Protein backbone atom coordinates (compact mmCIF):
# COMPACT_ATOMS: atom_id res chain seq x y z
CA MET A 1 270.19 183.95 238.12
CA LYS A 2 267.90 181.18 239.03
CA ASN A 3 265.50 183.02 241.43
CA GLY A 4 264.20 186.12 240.70
CA LEU A 5 263.69 188.33 237.50
CA ARG A 6 265.89 189.48 235.46
CA LYS A 7 266.27 192.89 234.36
CA TYR A 8 264.70 192.46 230.48
CA LYS A 9 262.02 190.67 231.79
CA ILE A 10 261.03 193.39 234.19
CA GLU A 11 261.46 195.92 231.35
CA ARG A 12 259.26 193.48 229.36
CA LYS A 13 256.46 193.51 231.72
CA LEU A 14 256.69 197.25 232.60
CA HIS A 15 256.45 197.88 228.54
CA GLU A 16 253.65 195.64 228.20
CA LYS A 17 251.47 197.21 231.31
CA ILE A 18 252.65 200.70 229.51
CA ASP A 19 251.30 199.35 225.82
CA SER A 20 248.04 197.66 227.53
CA ASN A 21 246.39 201.21 227.58
CA PRO A 22 246.75 203.10 224.11
CA ASP A 23 245.13 205.82 225.46
CA LEU A 24 248.00 206.54 227.67
CA LYS A 25 250.05 206.10 225.15
CA TYR A 26 248.09 208.84 222.46
CA TYR A 27 247.92 211.50 225.24
CA LEU A 28 251.58 211.18 226.27
CA ASP A 29 252.98 211.27 222.77
CA ASN A 30 255.72 213.26 223.38
CA GLU A 31 259.48 212.67 223.01
CA TYR A 32 260.85 213.48 226.29
CA VAL A 33 257.84 212.08 228.49
CA THR A 34 259.00 208.57 226.12
CA GLU A 35 262.49 209.10 227.13
CA ILE A 36 261.62 209.49 230.95
CA ILE A 37 259.50 206.51 230.89
CA ASP A 38 262.28 204.11 229.27
CA LEU A 39 264.77 205.51 231.69
CA LEU A 40 262.47 205.13 234.34
CA ILE A 41 261.98 201.45 233.51
CA ASP A 42 265.67 200.96 232.74
CA GLY A 43 266.32 202.28 236.08
CA ILE A 44 263.76 200.03 238.37
CA GLY A 45 264.73 196.93 236.09
CA GLU A 46 268.19 197.45 237.16
CA VAL A 47 267.56 198.35 241.01
CA ILE A 48 265.41 195.04 241.03
CA GLU A 49 267.82 192.76 239.82
CA GLU A 50 270.94 194.36 241.80
CA ASN A 51 268.31 193.95 245.00
CA ASN A 52 267.69 189.95 243.73
CA GLU A 53 271.39 189.47 243.44
CA ALA A 54 272.21 190.64 246.94
CA LEU A 55 269.25 188.67 248.28
CA MET A 56 270.90 186.04 246.75
CA ASN A 57 273.91 186.66 248.22
CA ASP A 58 272.88 187.15 251.61
CA ILE A 59 271.10 183.75 251.26
CA PHE A 60 274.36 181.79 250.50
CA LEU A 61 276.42 183.64 252.95
CA GLU A 62 273.72 182.88 255.85
CA LEU A 63 273.92 179.09 254.29
CA ARG A 64 277.56 179.35 254.79
CA LEU A 65 277.73 180.55 258.20
CA ARG A 66 275.19 177.64 259.17
CA ARG A 67 277.53 175.00 258.18
CA HIS A 68 280.33 176.24 260.62
């Protein structure tokens, strides 16, 4: 994908944001909380990547329709 963000970049940015507040990690030091945060980050990354792909498909379809 040339445009938009890939899943791993989205996940990296979200993890960087969480890591930017060390106190937050200290107070949320629980394996269940950590797991749910990881699942949310993974899910958000997937949704954004799927949305980017759908947008690109829509753009290409629109361009093809305009040519005819």
